[in-house]
Amino acid sequence: DMNRIACADLDGQMHDLLIAHLQNDDFFDVPKHPTARLAVTGSRAITGAGAGAPNLEVTGELTLRGQTHPLDFLVASGLTPEGRPAAQATFSIDRTRWGVLYGSGKFFHRLAGHLVNDHIDFDLRILTR
């Protein structure tokens, strides 16, 4: 739900301005594309992975702004102390692949203080019930 975008680094008016900007057509165009979707299409066990290290290679498709592109990332999976399956991953995407071009140095020159990093970091945690 792209309407639930939040920023943990800012409060008050600055938070609200940033979120409004991320939700407008400069970035994610939330009125036209209210959801993002990560679909897992496959996985492969990583043999010999140590405890706590990534032990799955996951393939999938990420849909942002109405565009879908393939994505591969590593996942650490296992069981919680209660025996519930759980997984977590950290990965980065280049937002320009999904048409999010605002402030990108790849597409615009002389941006100075308006340059925006092309990479978006994701922290994914899955806990089953």
Protein backbone atom coordinates (compact mmCIF):
# COMPACT_ATOMS: atom_id res chain seq x y z
CA ASP A 1 0.00 0.00 0.00
CA MET A 2 1.93 3.02 -1.29
CA ASN A 3 -0.42 5.29 0.68
CA ARG A 4 1.34 4.03 3.82
CA ILE A 5 4.81 5.33 2.91
CA ALA A 6 6.48 6.69 6.05
CA CYS A 7 9.83 8.14 7.01
CA ALA A 8 11.39 7.30 10.38
CA ASP A 9 14.07 10.02 10.08
CA LEU A 10 11.78 13.07 10.01
CA ASP A 11 8.88 14.44 12.06
CA GLY A 12 6.19 17.04 11.60
CA GLN A 13 6.00 19.26 8.55
CA MET A 14 9.28 18.03 6.99
CA HIS A 15 8.01 14.42 7.20
CA ASP A 16 4.70 15.37 5.62
CA LEU A 17 6.40 17.32 2.79
CA LEU A 18 8.72 14.42 1.99
CA ILE A 19 5.90 11.87 1.97
CA ALA A 20 3.74 14.08 -0.25
CA HIS A 21 6.66 14.43 -2.67
CA LEU A 22 7.34 10.69 -2.72
CA GLN A 23 3.67 10.01 -3.41
CA ASN A 24 3.32 12.53 -6.27
CA ASP A 25 4.20 11.89 -9.91
CA ASP A 26 7.85 12.93 -9.41
CA PHE A 27 8.42 9.63 -7.64
CA PHE A 28 5.84 6.86 -7.18
CA ASP A 29 2.66 8.51 -8.59
CA VAL A 30 0.55 6.90 -5.88
CA PRO A 31 -2.81 8.23 -7.15
CA LYS A 32 -2.26 6.20 -10.37
CA HIS A 33 -0.29 3.34 -8.80
CA PRO A 34 -1.50 2.85 -5.20
CA THR A 35 0.21 -0.51 -4.69
CA ALA A 36 3.63 -1.99 -5.17
CA ARG A 37 4.06 -5.75 -5.42
CA LEU A 38 6.89 -8.18 -4.85
CA ALA A 39 6.06 -11.59 -6.31
CA VAL A 40 8.42 -14.45 -5.49
CA THR A 41 8.75 -16.71 -8.52
CA GLY A 42 11.37 -19.13 -7.23
CA SER A 43 14.11 -19.91 -4.76
CA ARG A 44 17.24 -21.99 -4.54
CA ALA A 45 18.99 -23.20 -1.39
CA ILE A 46 22.54 -21.97 -0.85
CA THR A 47 24.50 -25.01 0.28
CA GLY A 48 26.98 -24.62 3.09
CA ALA A 49 25.49 -21.36 4.42
CA GLY A 50 26.42 -20.72 8.04
CA ALA A 51 23.96 -19.90 10.81
CA GLY A 52 22.40 -16.48 10.29
CA ALA A 53 23.88 -16.12 6.80
CA PRO A 54 21.76 -15.99 3.65
CA ASN A 55 20.70 -19.54 2.83
CA LEU A 56 18.28 -18.87 -0.05
CA GLU A 57 18.65 -17.18 -3.40
CA VAL A 58 15.23 -15.79 -4.31
CA THR A 59 14.01 -14.73 -7.74
CA GLY A 60 10.98 -12.57 -8.20
CA GLU A 61 9.35 -9.62 -9.86
CA LEU A 62 8.92 -6.17 -8.37
CA THR A 63 6.11 -3.95 -9.61
CA LEU A 64 6.44 -0.21 -8.90
CA ARG A 65 4.72 2.61 -10.72
CA GLY A 66 2.97 0.11 -12.97
CA GLN A 67 6.22 -1.39 -14.26
CA THR A 68 7.36 -4.93 -13.47
CA HIS A 69 11.00 -6.02 -13.59
CA PRO A 70 12.85 -9.14 -12.42
CA LEU A 71 14.70 -9.08 -9.15
CA ASP A 72 17.12 -11.50 -7.44
CA PHE A 73 18.16 -11.25 -3.79
CA LEU A 74 19.57 -13.31 -0.94
CA VAL A 75 17.46 -14.34 2.06
CA ALA A 76 18.32 -15.65 5.52
CA SER A 77 15.56 -18.07 6.52
CA GLY A 78 14.93 -20.37 9.42
CA LEU A 79 12.66 -21.05 12.36
CA THR A 80 11.86 -18.78 15.30
CA PRO A 81 12.30 -20.16 18.85
CA GLU A 82 8.56 -20.94 18.70
CA GLY A 83 9.10 -23.03 15.54
CA ARG A 84 7.52 -20.51 13.14
CA PRO A 85 9.14 -20.10 9.69
CA ALA A 86 10.74 -16.68 9.22
CA ALA A 87 12.92 -14.93 6.66
CA GLN A 88 14.68 -11.63 6.21
CA ALA A 89 16.55 -9.89 3.43
CA THR A 90 18.15 -6.58 2.63
CA PHE A 91 18.50 -5.54 -0.99
CA SER A 92 18.78 -2.45 -3.14
CA ILE A 93 17.16 -1.52 -6.44
CA ASP A 94 17.92 1.17 -8.99
CA ARG A 95 14.67 3.17 -9.01
CA THR A 96 15.28 4.42 -12.56
CA ARG A 97 14.54 0.90 -13.91
CA TRP A 98 10.95 1.50 -12.76
CA GLY A 99 10.68 4.97 -14.29
CA VAL A 100 11.35 6.93 -11.10
CA LEU A 101 13.65 9.55 -12.63
CA TYR A 102 13.30 12.64 -10.42
CA GLY A 103 16.71 14.05 -9.48
CA SER A 104 18.65 11.22 -11.14
CA GLY A 105 22.17 12.12 -12.25
CA LYS A 106 21.80 9.55 -15.06
CA PHE A 107 19.05 11.57 -16.70
CA PHE A 108 19.56 15.17 -15.56
CA HIS A 109 22.67 17.36 -15.39
CA ARG A 110 23.59 20.29 -13.16
CA LEU A 111 21.35 19.11 -10.33
CA ALA A 112 23.69 20.37 -7.57
CA GLY A 113 21.75 20.08 -4.29
CA HIS A 114 18.78 18.44 -6.03
CA LEU A 115 20.59 15.20 -6.89
CA VAL A 116 18.73 12.19 -5.48
CA ASN A 117 20.35 8.78 -5.04
CA ASP A 118 19.11 6.30 -7.64
CA HIS A 119 19.18 3.39 -5.19
CA ILE A 120 16.38 2.44 -2.83
CA ASP A 121 17.17 0.05 0.02
CA PHE A 122 14.63 -2.51 1.19
CA ASP A 123 14.56 -4.38 4.49
CA LEU A 124 12.20 -7.32 4.16
CA ARG A 125 11.05 -9.43 7.11
CA ILE A 126 8.56 -12.24 6.85
CA LEU A 127 7.15 -14.04 9.88
CA THR A 128 4.47 -16.69 9.47
CA ARG A 129 1.62 -17.12 11.91
